[in-house]
C-alpha cells in the first residue's frame, strides 16, 4: 500500500472553489460544456502538453467519472461571461503525484488549460492561477499547499505559475512527462518540499 492509498480514505473530496468577478466557475454538466472541453483539448497549444486530444465520447466518460468521484473536480472558468479555461482541482493524496513528493493529506493540486489561444501570453493565466490558488486555500483551511505539475518543457506555463506566487521545487518524473513541481504555500516558512527521487 502506498502513501496515497493510506491517506486517501481519510481525506475529503477536493473543495468547491469560488472566484470573484470577473471570474465565474461552473461544473461542465451540459453536453455543450463537454463539447467545449473536447474542442479546447484538440487545439495545438493545449494538445501539445495535455496529450488528451480525445474523442467526444471519451471526454463525456472522463468528466462523468470525475463528477461522480472524490479525486478531482472538473470546472469551466469564464471571465466576464466568456468561457476561457478548463480547470481540474484535485486531492494530491488520491493522485499519481502523491508518490513524487512528501505531500500532506490535504494538499490540493491544479491542472489548468486556457482553451482560448488569444487569451494566452497576456497575464490572464497568471492572474487566474493566483486567484484559483487563493480560493483553494480559502475553501479548505486544513490545506497548507496548492501544487501543480506542468510539463518542464512548457516554459510559458512554468513562468505563469511562478508569476502567480508558486515556487519551483524540482522536477518529478511521471509516466507521460517530466514535470516541474510548483508549490504555493499558505504561509511563509514552511521550507522546501522534499521531492522523491
N, C-alpha and C. Protein backbone atom coordinates (compact mmCIF):
# COMPACT_ATOMS: atom_id res chain seq x y z
N UNK A 1 0.86 -1.19 0.00
CA UNK A 1 0.00 0.00 0.00
C UNK A 1 0.89 1.24 0.00
N UNK A 2 0.65 2.17 -0.94
CA UNK A 2 1.48 3.37 -0.99
C UNK A 2 0.87 4.47 -0.13
N UNK A 3 1.61 5.60 -0.03
CA UNK A 3 1.15 6.70 0.83
C UNK A 3 -0.20 7.24 0.40
N UNK A 4 -0.43 7.30 -0.91
CA UNK A 4 -1.71 7.82 -1.40
C UNK A 4 -2.86 6.94 -0.95
N UNK A 5 -2.68 5.62 -1.03
CA UNK A 5 -3.74 4.70 -0.63
C UNK A 5 -3.98 4.76 0.87
N UNK A 6 -2.93 5.00 1.66
CA UNK A 6 -3.07 5.06 3.11
C UNK A 6 -3.83 6.30 3.55
N UNK A 7 -3.54 7.45 2.92
CA UNK A 7 -4.15 8.70 3.38
C UNK A 7 -5.47 9.02 2.69
N UNK A 8 -5.66 8.54 1.48
CA UNK A 8 -6.83 8.94 0.71
C UNK A 8 -8.16 8.68 1.40
N UNK A 9 -8.36 7.54 2.09
CA UNK A 9 -9.67 7.32 2.71
C UNK A 9 -10.02 8.37 3.77
N UNK A 10 -9.04 9.04 4.32
CA UNK A 10 -9.27 9.99 5.40
C UNK A 10 -9.33 11.44 4.91
N UNK A 11 -9.27 11.62 3.62
CA UNK A 11 -9.21 12.96 3.03
C UNK A 11 -10.53 13.25 2.31
N UNK A 12 -11.11 14.41 2.54
CA UNK A 12 -12.37 14.74 1.85
C UNK A 12 -12.13 15.01 0.37
N UNK A 13 -13.19 15.03 -0.42
CA UNK A 13 -13.05 15.38 -1.84
C UNK A 13 -12.47 16.78 -1.99
N UNK A 14 -11.97 17.11 -3.17
CA UNK A 14 -11.46 18.47 -3.36
C UNK A 14 -12.58 19.48 -3.14
N UNK A 15 -12.25 20.63 -2.57
CA UNK A 15 -13.30 21.60 -2.24
C UNK A 15 -13.83 22.33 -3.48
N UNK A 16 -15.01 22.89 -3.34
CA UNK A 16 -15.53 23.78 -4.37
C UNK A 16 -14.80 25.11 -4.23
N UNK A 17 -14.29 25.61 -5.33
CA UNK A 17 -13.61 26.90 -5.29
C UNK A 17 -14.55 27.97 -5.81
N UNK A 18 -14.52 29.11 -5.15
CA UNK A 18 -15.36 30.23 -5.57
C UNK A 18 -14.45 31.37 -5.97
N UNK A 19 -14.70 31.93 -7.14
CA UNK A 19 -13.89 33.03 -7.65
C UNK A 19 -14.75 34.28 -7.77
N UNK A 20 -14.16 35.41 -7.41
CA UNK A 20 -14.85 36.69 -7.51
C UNK A 20 -14.82 37.18 -8.95
N UNK A 21 -15.71 38.11 -9.25
CA UNK A 21 -15.72 38.72 -10.58
C UNK A 21 -14.36 39.35 -10.86
N UNK A 22 -13.89 39.31 -12.09
CA UNK A 22 -14.64 38.99 -13.32
C UNK A 22 -14.75 37.50 -13.62
N UNK A 23 -14.21 36.63 -12.73
CA UNK A 23 -14.27 35.19 -12.98
C UNK A 23 -15.61 34.60 -12.58
N UNK A 24 -15.94 33.49 -13.18
CA UNK A 24 -17.03 32.64 -12.71
C UNK A 24 -16.65 31.20 -13.04
N UNK A 25 -17.14 30.27 -12.23
CA UNK A 25 -16.82 28.85 -12.45
C UNK A 25 -18.10 28.03 -12.43
N UNK A 26 -18.08 26.94 -13.18
CA UNK A 26 -19.20 26.01 -13.17
C UNK A 26 -18.68 24.62 -13.52
N UNK A 27 -19.40 23.62 -13.08
CA UNK A 27 -19.07 22.26 -13.47
C UNK A 27 -19.57 22.01 -14.89
N UNK A 28 -18.82 21.28 -15.70
CA UNK A 28 -19.22 21.02 -17.09
C UNK A 28 -20.24 19.89 -17.18
N UNK A 29 -21.47 20.18 -16.83
CA UNK A 29 -22.52 19.16 -16.80
C UNK A 29 -23.37 19.11 -18.07
N UNK A 30 -23.37 20.18 -18.84
CA UNK A 30 -24.16 20.21 -20.07
C UNK A 30 -23.37 19.61 -21.22
N UNK A 31 -24.07 19.08 -22.20
CA UNK A 31 -23.40 18.50 -23.36
C UNK A 31 -22.51 19.53 -24.05
N UNK A 32 -22.99 20.77 -24.16
CA UNK A 32 -22.18 21.79 -24.83
C UNK A 32 -20.91 22.13 -24.05
N UNK A 33 -20.95 21.93 -22.73
CA UNK A 33 -19.74 22.14 -21.93
C UNK A 33 -18.70 21.08 -22.25
N UNK A 34 -19.13 19.84 -22.32
CA UNK A 34 -18.21 18.75 -22.65
C UNK A 34 -17.65 18.94 -24.06
N UNK A 35 -18.50 19.36 -24.98
CA UNK A 35 -18.04 19.62 -26.35
C UNK A 35 -16.98 20.73 -26.37
N UNK A 36 -17.15 21.74 -25.52
CA UNK A 36 -16.19 22.83 -25.45
C UNK A 36 -14.84 22.32 -24.94
N UNK A 37 -14.87 21.51 -23.88
CA UNK A 37 -13.62 20.95 -23.36
C UNK A 37 -12.93 20.11 -24.43
N UNK A 38 -13.69 19.30 -25.13
CA UNK A 38 -13.11 18.45 -26.17
C UNK A 38 -12.47 19.30 -27.28
N UNK A 39 -13.13 20.39 -27.67
CA UNK A 39 -12.56 21.28 -28.71
C UNK A 39 -11.27 21.92 -28.22
N UNK A 40 -11.29 22.40 -26.97
CA UNK A 40 -10.07 23.02 -26.43
C UNK A 40 -8.92 22.04 -26.40
N UNK A 41 -9.19 20.81 -26.00
CA UNK A 41 -8.12 19.82 -25.88
C UNK A 41 -7.52 19.44 -27.23
N UNK A 42 -8.25 19.70 -28.31
CA UNK A 42 -7.75 19.41 -29.64
C UNK A 42 -6.92 20.56 -30.21
N UNK A 43 -6.96 21.71 -29.58
CA UNK A 43 -6.20 22.85 -30.09
C UNK A 43 -4.71 22.63 -29.84
N UNK A 44 -3.88 22.96 -30.82
CA UNK A 44 -2.45 22.63 -30.72
C UNK A 44 -1.76 23.13 -29.45
N UNK A 45 -2.07 24.34 -28.99
CA UNK A 45 -1.36 24.87 -27.82
C UNK A 45 -1.74 24.14 -26.54
N UNK A 46 -2.90 23.47 -26.53
CA UNK A 46 -3.30 22.64 -25.38
C UNK A 46 -2.86 21.20 -25.59
N UNK A 47 -3.14 20.65 -26.76
CA UNK A 47 -2.84 19.23 -27.03
C UNK A 47 -1.37 18.91 -26.85
N UNK A 48 -0.49 19.86 -27.14
CA UNK A 48 0.95 19.61 -27.05
C UNK A 48 1.37 19.16 -25.65
N UNK A 49 0.74 19.72 -24.63
CA UNK A 49 1.17 19.42 -23.26
C UNK A 49 0.14 18.60 -22.47
N UNK A 50 -1.14 18.69 -22.81
CA UNK A 50 -2.14 17.89 -22.10
C UNK A 50 -2.21 16.47 -22.65
N UNK A 51 -1.95 16.32 -23.95
CA UNK A 51 -1.98 14.99 -24.59
C UNK A 51 -3.32 14.29 -24.35
N UNK A 52 -4.40 15.07 -24.39
CA UNK A 52 -5.74 14.50 -24.19
C UNK A 52 -6.68 14.94 -25.32
N UNK A 53 -6.16 14.88 -26.54
CA UNK A 53 -6.96 15.17 -27.73
C UNK A 53 -7.80 13.94 -28.02
N UNK A 54 -8.81 13.75 -27.17
CA UNK A 54 -9.63 12.55 -27.20
C UNK A 54 -10.94 12.79 -27.95
N UNK A 55 -11.58 11.71 -28.40
CA UNK A 55 -12.92 11.83 -28.99
C UNK A 55 -13.92 12.32 -27.93
N UNK A 56 -15.01 12.86 -28.42
CA UNK A 56 -16.03 13.41 -27.52
C UNK A 56 -16.54 12.38 -26.53
N UNK A 57 -16.76 11.16 -26.96
CA UNK A 57 -17.29 10.13 -26.07
C UNK A 57 -16.35 9.87 -24.89
N UNK A 58 -15.06 9.88 -25.17
CA UNK A 58 -14.11 9.66 -24.07
C UNK A 58 -14.13 10.83 -23.09
N UNK A 59 -14.30 12.04 -23.60
CA UNK A 59 -14.40 13.19 -22.68
C UNK A 59 -15.70 13.15 -21.88
N UNK A 60 -16.79 12.68 -22.49
CA UNK A 60 -18.04 12.51 -21.72
C UNK A 60 -17.79 11.58 -20.54
N UNK A 61 -17.13 10.45 -20.82
CA UNK A 61 -16.85 9.48 -19.76
C UNK A 61 -15.91 10.05 -18.71
N UNK A 62 -14.87 10.76 -19.15
CA UNK A 62 -13.89 11.33 -18.23
C UNK A 62 -14.54 12.32 -17.26
N UNK A 63 -15.33 13.23 -17.81
CA UNK A 63 -15.95 14.25 -16.96
C UNK A 63 -17.00 13.62 -16.05
N UNK A 64 -17.78 12.68 -16.57
CA UNK A 64 -18.77 11.99 -15.74
C UNK A 64 -18.10 11.26 -14.58
N UNK A 65 -16.98 10.61 -14.85
CA UNK A 65 -16.25 9.89 -13.80
C UNK A 65 -15.75 10.86 -12.74
N UNK A 66 -15.20 11.99 -13.17
CA UNK A 66 -14.72 12.97 -12.20
C UNK A 66 -15.88 13.53 -11.36
N UNK A 67 -16.97 13.85 -12.00
CA UNK A 67 -18.11 14.42 -11.27
C UNK A 67 -18.69 13.43 -10.26
N UNK A 68 -18.57 12.13 -10.55
CA UNK A 68 -19.13 11.11 -9.66
C UNK A 68 -18.15 10.68 -8.57
N UNK A 69 -16.90 11.10 -8.69
CA UNK A 69 -15.87 10.63 -7.77
C UNK A 69 -15.46 11.66 -6.74
N UNK A 70 -14.37 11.35 -6.02
CA UNK A 70 -13.87 12.26 -4.99
C UNK A 70 -12.39 12.57 -5.16
N UNK A 71 -11.87 12.33 -6.35
CA UNK A 71 -10.46 12.60 -6.65
C UNK A 71 -10.28 14.00 -7.22
N UNK A 72 -11.08 14.33 -8.23
CA UNK A 72 -10.87 15.56 -8.99
C UNK A 72 -12.20 16.23 -9.29
N UNK A 73 -12.18 17.56 -9.26
CA UNK A 73 -13.38 18.34 -9.57
C UNK A 73 -13.13 19.12 -10.87
N UNK A 74 -13.82 18.76 -11.96
CA UNK A 74 -13.63 19.49 -13.22
C UNK A 74 -14.46 20.77 -13.23
N UNK A 75 -13.88 21.83 -13.78
CA UNK A 75 -14.56 23.12 -13.80
C UNK A 75 -14.27 23.85 -15.10
N UNK A 76 -15.23 24.65 -15.51
CA UNK A 76 -15.02 25.60 -16.58
C UNK A 76 -14.94 26.99 -15.96
N UNK A 77 -13.97 27.76 -16.41
CA UNK A 77 -13.78 29.11 -15.90
C UNK A 77 -14.10 30.11 -17.00
N UNK A 78 -14.91 31.09 -16.66
CA UNK A 78 -15.22 32.17 -17.59
C UNK A 78 -14.71 33.48 -17.01
N UNK A 79 -14.43 34.42 -17.90
CA UNK A 79 -14.03 35.76 -17.48
C UNK A 79 -14.95 36.75 -18.16
N UNK A 80 -15.64 37.52 -17.36
CA UNK A 80 -16.60 38.46 -17.92
C UNK A 80 -17.68 37.77 -18.73
N UNK A 81 -18.05 36.54 -18.34
CA UNK A 81 -19.09 35.80 -19.03
C UNK A 81 -18.61 35.01 -20.23
N UNK A 82 -17.34 35.10 -20.56
CA UNK A 82 -16.80 34.38 -21.73
C UNK A 82 -15.97 33.21 -21.27
N UNK A 83 -16.32 32.00 -21.73
CA UNK A 83 -15.57 30.81 -21.36
C UNK A 83 -14.12 30.94 -21.79
N UNK A 84 -13.22 30.56 -20.86
CA UNK A 84 -11.80 30.82 -21.08
C UNK A 84 -10.92 29.60 -20.84
N UNK A 85 -11.21 28.82 -19.78
CA UNK A 85 -10.27 27.79 -19.37
C UNK A 85 -10.98 26.58 -18.77
N UNK A 86 -10.28 25.45 -18.85
CA UNK A 86 -10.69 24.22 -18.19
C UNK A 86 -9.77 24.02 -17.00
N UNK A 87 -10.36 23.68 -15.87
CA UNK A 87 -9.62 23.55 -14.62
C UNK A 87 -10.01 22.25 -13.93
N UNK A 88 -9.01 21.56 -13.38
CA UNK A 88 -9.26 20.42 -12.51
C UNK A 88 -8.61 20.70 -11.16
N UNK A 89 -9.42 20.62 -10.10
CA UNK A 89 -8.95 20.79 -8.73
C UNK A 89 -8.97 19.39 -8.12
N UNK A 90 -7.82 18.92 -7.64
CA UNK A 90 -7.76 17.53 -7.19
C UNK A 90 -7.04 17.40 -5.85
N UNK A 91 -7.28 16.27 -5.20
CA UNK A 91 -6.57 15.92 -3.98
C UNK A 91 -5.31 15.15 -4.34
N UNK A 92 -4.18 15.68 -3.98
CA UNK A 92 -2.91 15.03 -4.28
C UNK A 92 -2.87 13.63 -3.68
N UNK A 93 -3.45 13.46 -2.49
CA UNK A 93 -3.41 12.16 -1.81
C UNK A 93 -4.07 11.06 -2.63
N UNK A 94 -4.93 11.41 -3.59
CA UNK A 94 -5.60 10.42 -4.42
C UNK A 94 -5.02 10.38 -5.84
N UNK A 95 -3.92 11.07 -6.05
CA UNK A 95 -3.39 11.26 -7.39
C UNK A 95 -2.02 10.60 -7.53
N UNK A 96 -1.62 10.36 -8.76
CA UNK A 96 -0.29 9.79 -9.02
C UNK A 96 0.82 10.69 -8.50
N UNK A 97 0.57 11.97 -8.38
CA UNK A 97 1.58 12.90 -7.89
C UNK A 97 1.97 12.62 -6.44
N UNK A 98 1.10 11.93 -5.70
CA UNK A 98 1.36 11.65 -4.28
C UNK A 98 2.67 10.90 -4.07
N UNK A 99 3.07 10.09 -5.02
CA UNK A 99 4.30 9.33 -4.88
C UNK A 99 5.55 10.09 -5.26
N UNK A 100 5.38 11.35 -5.66
CA UNK A 100 6.52 12.13 -6.17
C UNK A 100 7.11 13.11 -5.17
N UNK A 101 6.39 13.41 -4.10
CA UNK A 101 6.94 14.32 -3.09
C UNK A 101 6.25 14.02 -1.76
N UNK A 102 6.79 14.57 -0.69
CA UNK A 102 6.23 14.32 0.63
C UNK A 102 5.03 15.24 0.85
N UNK A 103 3.90 14.74 0.40
CA UNK A 103 2.67 15.54 0.43
C UNK A 103 2.01 15.46 1.81
N UNK A 104 1.19 16.47 2.08
CA UNK A 104 0.31 16.47 3.24
C UNK A 104 -1.04 15.93 2.78
N UNK A 105 -1.81 15.32 3.69
CA UNK A 105 -3.08 14.74 3.28
C UNK A 105 -4.06 15.72 2.63
N UNK A 106 -3.97 17.00 2.98
CA UNK A 106 -4.93 17.97 2.45
C UNK A 106 -4.37 18.82 1.31
N UNK A 107 -3.19 18.50 0.80
CA UNK A 107 -2.67 19.24 -0.35
C UNK A 107 -3.66 19.18 -1.50
N UNK A 108 -3.79 20.29 -2.19
CA UNK A 108 -4.68 20.40 -3.34
C UNK A 108 -3.84 20.62 -4.59
N UNK A 109 -4.17 19.92 -5.66
CA UNK A 109 -3.48 20.07 -6.93
C UNK A 109 -4.35 20.76 -7.95
N UNK A 110 -3.69 21.37 -8.93
CA UNK A 110 -4.39 22.07 -10.01
C UNK A 110 -3.88 21.60 -11.37
N UNK A 111 -4.80 21.40 -12.28
CA UNK A 111 -4.49 21.26 -13.71
C UNK A 111 -5.27 22.39 -14.39
N UNK A 112 -4.63 23.08 -15.31
CA UNK A 112 -5.33 24.18 -15.97
C UNK A 112 -4.93 24.27 -17.43
N UNK A 113 -5.91 24.51 -18.27
CA UNK A 113 -5.68 24.71 -19.70
C UNK A 113 -6.49 25.92 -20.14
N UNK A 114 -5.80 26.92 -20.64
CA UNK A 114 -6.51 28.07 -21.22
C UNK A 114 -6.85 27.70 -22.65
N UNK A 115 -8.11 27.50 -22.91
CA UNK A 115 -8.55 27.00 -24.20
C UNK A 115 -8.51 28.02 -25.30
N UNK A 116 -8.68 29.28 -24.95
CA UNK A 116 -8.71 30.34 -25.96
C UNK A 116 -7.29 30.85 -26.19
N UNK A 117 -6.71 30.51 -27.34
CA UNK A 117 -5.31 30.85 -27.64
C UNK A 117 -5.03 32.34 -27.52
N UNK A 118 -5.98 33.16 -27.94
CA UNK A 118 -5.76 34.61 -27.91
C UNK A 118 -5.70 35.15 -26.49
N UNK A 119 -6.09 34.35 -25.52
CA UNK A 119 -6.03 34.79 -24.12
C UNK A 119 -4.73 34.38 -23.43
N UNK A 120 -3.84 33.72 -24.15
CA UNK A 120 -2.56 33.33 -23.57
C UNK A 120 -1.52 34.42 -23.82
N UNK A 121 -0.50 34.44 -22.97
CA UNK A 121 0.59 35.40 -23.14
C UNK A 121 0.25 36.82 -22.77
N UNK A 122 -0.85 37.03 -22.05
CA UNK A 122 -1.27 38.39 -21.69
C UNK A 122 -1.42 38.59 -20.20
N UNK A 123 -0.93 37.63 -19.42
CA UNK A 123 -1.05 37.73 -17.97
C UNK A 123 -2.34 37.16 -17.42
N UNK A 124 -3.23 36.70 -18.30
CA UNK A 124 -4.51 36.16 -17.85
C UNK A 124 -4.31 34.88 -17.04
N UNK A 125 -3.45 34.00 -17.54
CA UNK A 125 -3.19 32.75 -16.83
C UNK A 125 -2.58 32.98 -15.46
N UNK A 126 -1.65 33.90 -15.38
CA UNK A 126 -1.03 34.23 -14.10
C UNK A 126 -2.06 34.69 -13.10
N UNK A 127 -2.94 35.59 -13.52
CA UNK A 127 -3.98 36.11 -12.62
C UNK A 127 -4.96 35.01 -12.21
N UNK A 128 -5.34 34.17 -13.18
CA UNK A 128 -6.26 33.09 -12.87
C UNK A 128 -5.63 32.10 -11.90
N UNK A 129 -4.38 31.73 -12.12
CA UNK A 129 -3.69 30.79 -11.22
C UNK A 129 -3.61 31.35 -9.80
N UNK A 130 -3.26 32.63 -9.69
CA UNK A 130 -3.17 33.24 -8.37
C UNK A 130 -4.52 33.23 -7.66
N UNK A 131 -5.58 33.55 -8.40
CA UNK A 131 -6.91 33.61 -7.79
C UNK A 131 -7.43 32.21 -7.44
N UNK A 132 -7.16 31.22 -8.30
CA UNK A 132 -7.61 29.86 -8.01
C UNK A 132 -6.86 29.30 -6.80
N UNK A 133 -5.56 29.54 -6.73
CA UNK A 133 -4.79 29.05 -5.58
C UNK A 133 -5.30 29.67 -4.29
N UNK A 134 -5.56 30.98 -4.30
CA UNK A 134 -6.08 31.65 -3.11
C UNK A 134 -7.46 31.10 -2.75
N UNK A 135 -8.28 30.83 -3.75
CA UNK A 135 -9.62 30.30 -3.49
C UNK A 135 -9.55 28.88 -2.92
N UNK A 136 -8.61 28.07 -3.42
CA UNK A 136 -8.47 26.71 -2.90
C UNK A 136 -8.03 26.73 -1.44
N UNK A 137 -7.08 27.58 -1.11
CA UNK A 137 -6.63 27.70 0.28
C UNK A 137 -7.77 28.20 1.18
N UNK A 138 -8.57 29.12 0.67
CA UNK A 138 -9.69 29.64 1.45
C UNK A 138 -10.77 28.58 1.64
N UNK A 139 -10.93 27.71 0.65
CA UNK A 139 -12.00 26.71 0.69
C UNK A 139 -11.70 25.57 1.66
N UNK A 140 -10.43 25.33 1.95
CA UNK A 140 -10.05 24.25 2.86
C UNK A 140 -9.00 24.77 3.84
N UNK A 141 -9.39 25.19 5.02
CA UNK A 141 -8.43 25.73 5.99
C UNK A 141 -7.35 24.74 6.39
N UNK A 142 -7.58 23.44 6.17
CA UNK A 142 -6.57 22.44 6.52
C UNK A 142 -5.52 22.28 5.43
N UNK A 143 -5.77 22.86 4.28
CA UNK A 143 -4.82 22.76 3.17
C UNK A 143 -3.70 23.78 3.36
N UNK A 144 -2.47 23.30 3.41
CA UNK A 144 -1.33 24.20 3.56
C UNK A 144 -0.62 24.50 2.26
N UNK A 145 -0.91 23.70 1.21
CA UNK A 145 -0.21 23.89 -0.06
C UNK A 145 -1.12 23.59 -1.23
N UNK A 146 -0.97 24.41 -2.26
CA UNK A 146 -1.57 24.15 -3.56
C UNK A 146 -0.41 23.85 -4.49
N UNK A 147 -0.52 22.77 -5.25
CA UNK A 147 0.59 22.34 -6.10
C UNK A 147 0.12 22.15 -7.54
N UNK A 148 1.09 22.11 -8.43
CA UNK A 148 0.82 21.83 -9.83
C UNK A 148 2.05 21.15 -10.40
N UNK A 149 1.87 20.47 -11.53
CA UNK A 149 2.98 19.76 -12.15
C UNK A 149 2.98 19.97 -13.65
N UNK A 150 3.23 21.24 -14.09
CA UNK A 150 3.30 21.48 -15.53
C UNK A 150 4.50 20.78 -16.15
N UNK A 151 4.37 20.42 -17.40
CA UNK A 151 5.46 19.83 -18.15
C UNK A 151 6.66 20.78 -18.10
N UNK A 152 7.82 20.24 -17.78
CA UNK A 152 9.01 21.08 -17.67
C UNK A 152 9.37 21.75 -18.99
N UNK A 153 8.92 21.18 -20.11
CA UNK A 153 9.16 21.79 -21.40
C UNK A 153 8.22 22.93 -21.73
N UNK A 154 7.21 23.13 -20.90
CA UNK A 154 6.24 24.20 -21.13
C UNK A 154 6.68 25.44 -20.35
N UNK A 155 7.65 26.14 -20.91
CA UNK A 155 8.25 27.28 -20.21
C UNK A 155 7.22 28.35 -19.89
N UNK A 156 6.24 28.57 -20.77
CA UNK A 156 5.24 29.60 -20.52
C UNK A 156 4.38 29.25 -19.30
N UNK A 157 4.03 27.97 -19.15
CA UNK A 157 3.22 27.56 -18.01
C UNK A 157 4.01 27.68 -16.71
N UNK A 158 5.25 27.20 -16.72
CA UNK A 158 6.08 27.30 -15.52
C UNK A 158 6.24 28.76 -15.12
N UNK A 159 6.47 29.64 -16.09
CA UNK A 159 6.61 31.07 -15.80
C UNK A 159 5.33 31.66 -15.23
N UNK A 160 4.18 31.22 -15.75
CA UNK A 160 2.91 31.73 -15.24
C UNK A 160 2.70 31.31 -13.79
N UNK A 161 3.03 30.07 -13.46
CA UNK A 161 2.91 29.63 -12.06
C UNK A 161 3.84 30.44 -11.16
N UNK A 162 5.07 30.68 -11.61
CA UNK A 162 5.99 31.50 -10.80
C UNK A 162 5.40 32.89 -10.56
N UNK A 163 4.89 33.49 -11.62
CA UNK A 163 4.33 34.84 -11.51
C UNK A 163 3.10 34.87 -10.61
N UNK A 164 2.45 33.71 -10.45
CA UNK A 164 1.25 33.62 -9.61
C UNK A 164 1.60 33.29 -8.16
N UNK A 165 2.89 33.28 -7.82
CA UNK A 165 3.28 33.05 -6.44
C UNK A 165 3.69 31.64 -6.09
N UNK A 166 3.79 30.77 -7.09
CA UNK A 166 4.26 29.41 -6.87
C UNK A 166 5.79 29.39 -6.95
N UNK A 167 6.41 28.44 -6.25
CA UNK A 167 7.85 28.24 -6.36
C UNK A 167 8.12 26.87 -6.97
N UNK A 168 9.19 26.80 -7.74
CA UNK A 168 9.60 25.53 -8.35
C UNK A 168 10.41 24.75 -7.33
N UNK A 169 9.96 23.53 -7.03
CA UNK A 169 10.63 22.72 -6.00
C UNK A 169 11.43 21.56 -6.59
N UNK A 170 11.57 21.52 -7.89
CA UNK A 170 12.34 20.46 -8.53
C UNK A 170 11.51 19.73 -9.56
N UNK A 171 12.14 18.80 -10.24
CA UNK A 171 11.46 18.03 -11.27
C UNK A 171 11.00 16.69 -10.72
N UNK A 172 9.86 16.23 -11.23
CA UNK A 172 9.33 14.92 -10.89
C UNK A 172 9.07 14.17 -12.19
N UNK A 173 9.24 12.87 -12.12
CA UNK A 173 9.04 12.03 -13.31
C UNK A 173 7.69 11.34 -13.21
N UNK A 174 6.84 11.61 -14.18
CA UNK A 174 5.53 10.99 -14.29
C UNK A 174 5.52 10.09 -15.53
N UNK A 175 4.56 9.18 -15.65
CA UNK A 175 4.59 8.25 -16.78
C UNK A 175 4.62 8.92 -18.15
N UNK A 176 4.01 10.10 -18.28
CA UNK A 176 3.90 10.73 -19.58
C UNK A 176 4.71 12.00 -19.73
N UNK A 177 5.47 12.39 -18.69
CA UNK A 177 6.22 13.64 -18.80
C UNK A 177 7.19 13.79 -17.65
N UNK A 178 8.15 14.69 -17.86
CA UNK A 178 8.96 15.20 -16.76
C UNK A 178 8.34 16.54 -16.41
N UNK A 179 7.97 16.70 -15.15
CA UNK A 179 7.22 17.88 -14.72
C UNK A 179 8.01 18.68 -13.69
N UNK A 180 7.69 19.96 -13.61
CA UNK A 180 8.24 20.82 -12.57
C UNK A 180 7.20 20.92 -11.47
N UNK A 181 7.59 20.53 -10.26
CA UNK A 181 6.66 20.61 -9.13
C UNK A 181 6.60 22.06 -8.67
N UNK A 182 5.44 22.68 -8.85
CA UNK A 182 5.22 24.07 -8.45
C UNK A 182 4.36 24.08 -7.19
N UNK A 183 4.77 24.87 -6.21
CA UNK A 183 4.10 24.88 -4.91
C UNK A 183 3.79 26.30 -4.47
N UNK A 184 2.56 26.50 -4.04
CA UNK A 184 2.19 27.77 -3.39
C UNK A 184 1.74 27.41 -1.98
N UNK A 185 2.54 27.82 -1.00
CA UNK A 185 2.24 27.51 0.40
C UNK A 185 1.33 28.56 1.00
N UNK A 186 0.57 28.14 2.00
CA UNK A 186 -0.34 29.07 2.69
C UNK A 186 0.44 30.20 3.36
N UNK A 187 1.52 29.88 4.04
CA UNK A 187 2.29 30.89 4.74
C UNK A 187 3.77 30.71 4.49
N UNK A 188 4.53 31.70 4.84
CA UNK A 188 5.98 31.61 4.66
C UNK A 188 6.56 30.70 5.75
N UNK A 189 7.76 30.22 5.49
CA UNK A 189 8.49 29.48 6.50
C UNK A 189 8.22 27.99 6.52
N UNK A 190 7.50 27.46 5.53
CA UNK A 190 7.24 26.01 5.50
C UNK A 190 8.46 25.25 5.03
N UNK A 191 9.38 25.93 4.36
CA UNK A 191 10.58 25.27 3.86
C UNK A 191 10.30 24.53 2.56
N UNK A 192 11.37 24.00 1.94
CA UNK A 192 11.20 23.32 0.66
C UNK A 192 10.42 22.02 0.81
N UNK A 193 9.85 21.59 -0.29
CA UNK A 193 9.09 20.34 -0.34
C UNK A 193 10.04 19.24 -0.82
N UNK A 194 10.27 18.20 -0.01
CA UNK A 194 11.15 17.12 -0.46
C UNK A 194 10.54 16.36 -1.62
N UNK A 195 11.28 16.32 -2.73
CA UNK A 195 10.85 15.59 -3.91
C UNK A 195 11.42 14.19 -3.85
N UNK A 196 10.60 13.20 -4.18
CA UNK A 196 11.05 11.81 -4.18
C UNK A 196 11.85 11.57 -5.44
N UNK A 197 13.06 11.05 -5.30
CA UNK A 197 13.91 10.79 -6.47
C UNK A 197 14.13 9.30 -6.63
